Amino acid sequence: FPLIITEFNSIKDDILINITSNSRHNILQYQDFIVSYTDFSSIVLTLINNSSWVDLSTSTPPIALILTNLRFKSQPTINQLSEPFIIAQVLSTPSIDANYNVIYSSFTHELKINGSGLIGSRRILLTFNPTIYNGVSYDIYSRSPLIINQIVLTLRNGYKWRNEPGLLNVTSIDTGGGPIQLNGDQGITVAEVLDDSYINIVTIESTGSSQYVYLNDQFITIKGNNFNIIGNTLRFFNGLLGHGVNYTTISTTPTEIKLQLTVGSKWLQNPYDNLPAPLSIVAVNSGYGFVYVGSDVLKKGVDIATVFAQPIVLSQSLNIHTNSPKTISIRGYGFAVNYLHPSLVFNTHISEGIDYTISVIDNTNIELTLIDGRTWSN
């Protein structure tokens, strides 16, 4: 692409230019580029002889292209610049890899596009055939600048990758240096889109009110339908990762997935005073891209378990009578407030509801009240 410089008051003579960069120190006029004029205040630099502005093999883009010297042929020894200045930031020329993986028109939430020359890009503009628009139909989920040669797109609620089944093609890409046409008007295929009716929809059953676990309990079971027995990727609301990072999938059936917690991990990272709390799954990929579960609006997911703090009881030295005092406090940590009563087992064989009642005052204090006519020890 030509490089246009428009920082001059007038151009009345042939110009001699020196350009450098951190990756290449000799970009030579007449050998690598030529100079032409658009008017009396702009010049155009155009690459020749298959040259490049910078050497990207040794540096990560963007790379600054620096104008260090500008002279007129009539005054060849006088540099017209008071100091060097950057005239461009050079990026790799981007390309997209063809991909014919199957996705579904709206149930596939995420699309990953791989390519080359994407690392360092601070903005991505894609043109699709059929047309879909960033910020309308989809969003670019990848953070900029890109650190890998991959662009992750997420579909917006109520939209489709294609209205009709067929190939989804990227026809051009612009990472900041101007649009690059891909394979002419045809573009590069990045997915094959099928109608949603072809998919066995993955669902997850809400078991948050029936599956109670402690932070470091070893196993959790996920119930649902249409799980892939070969493997499923789960996206947790709190960011838990599989493959042994936080947990491992130890068994899968079409209706049940069993997970085992990795040693040193917890199901939630909440502090003790913020428990119990739900453990939620937001999306599942059973082989055809991520599909949201739960509320499409809230994107909160489905609660599969309620996670409690591992309770700790502190030792106390109390001298009491068999029937007094009427109230005893138990101190500790991780008691569930406004939730299920903790189950206590005493060496004196007394029972809740028969010998005493229980109240959780806060997450550090349980209060026991002796029932009339009963004793603390049988």
Foldseek 3Di string as FASTA:
>chain_A
DKAKDQAAPFDDADKAWAKQWPAGRHCHEPVFWHWDDDHGRMIIIDGPPPHDQGDPPVDAFQIFMKTAFMDGPVGRVDGPDPGIDTRDGDFFDKDWDADAAEAEFPQFFKFKTFTPRQAQQQDKDWAKVVGDDDPGQWHFPAHPPHHHRMTMIGGAPPGTCDPAWAFMFTQWMDSPPDIDGAPHRVHGTRYGYDYPVPDPDWAWDFCAVPAEEAFQDFKFKIFTAQAAQVDKAWQKPQGDHEPQPQWYFDGDDRTMTMITGHPPHTLDPDPLQPDFDFTFTQWMGRPRHTGGYDDSVVSNHHGRHTYFHDKDWDDDDDDADFCDDQKDKTFTAGADAPDDHDADDDPLRDHDPPFWHWHDPGRTIIMIGGDPPHTPHD
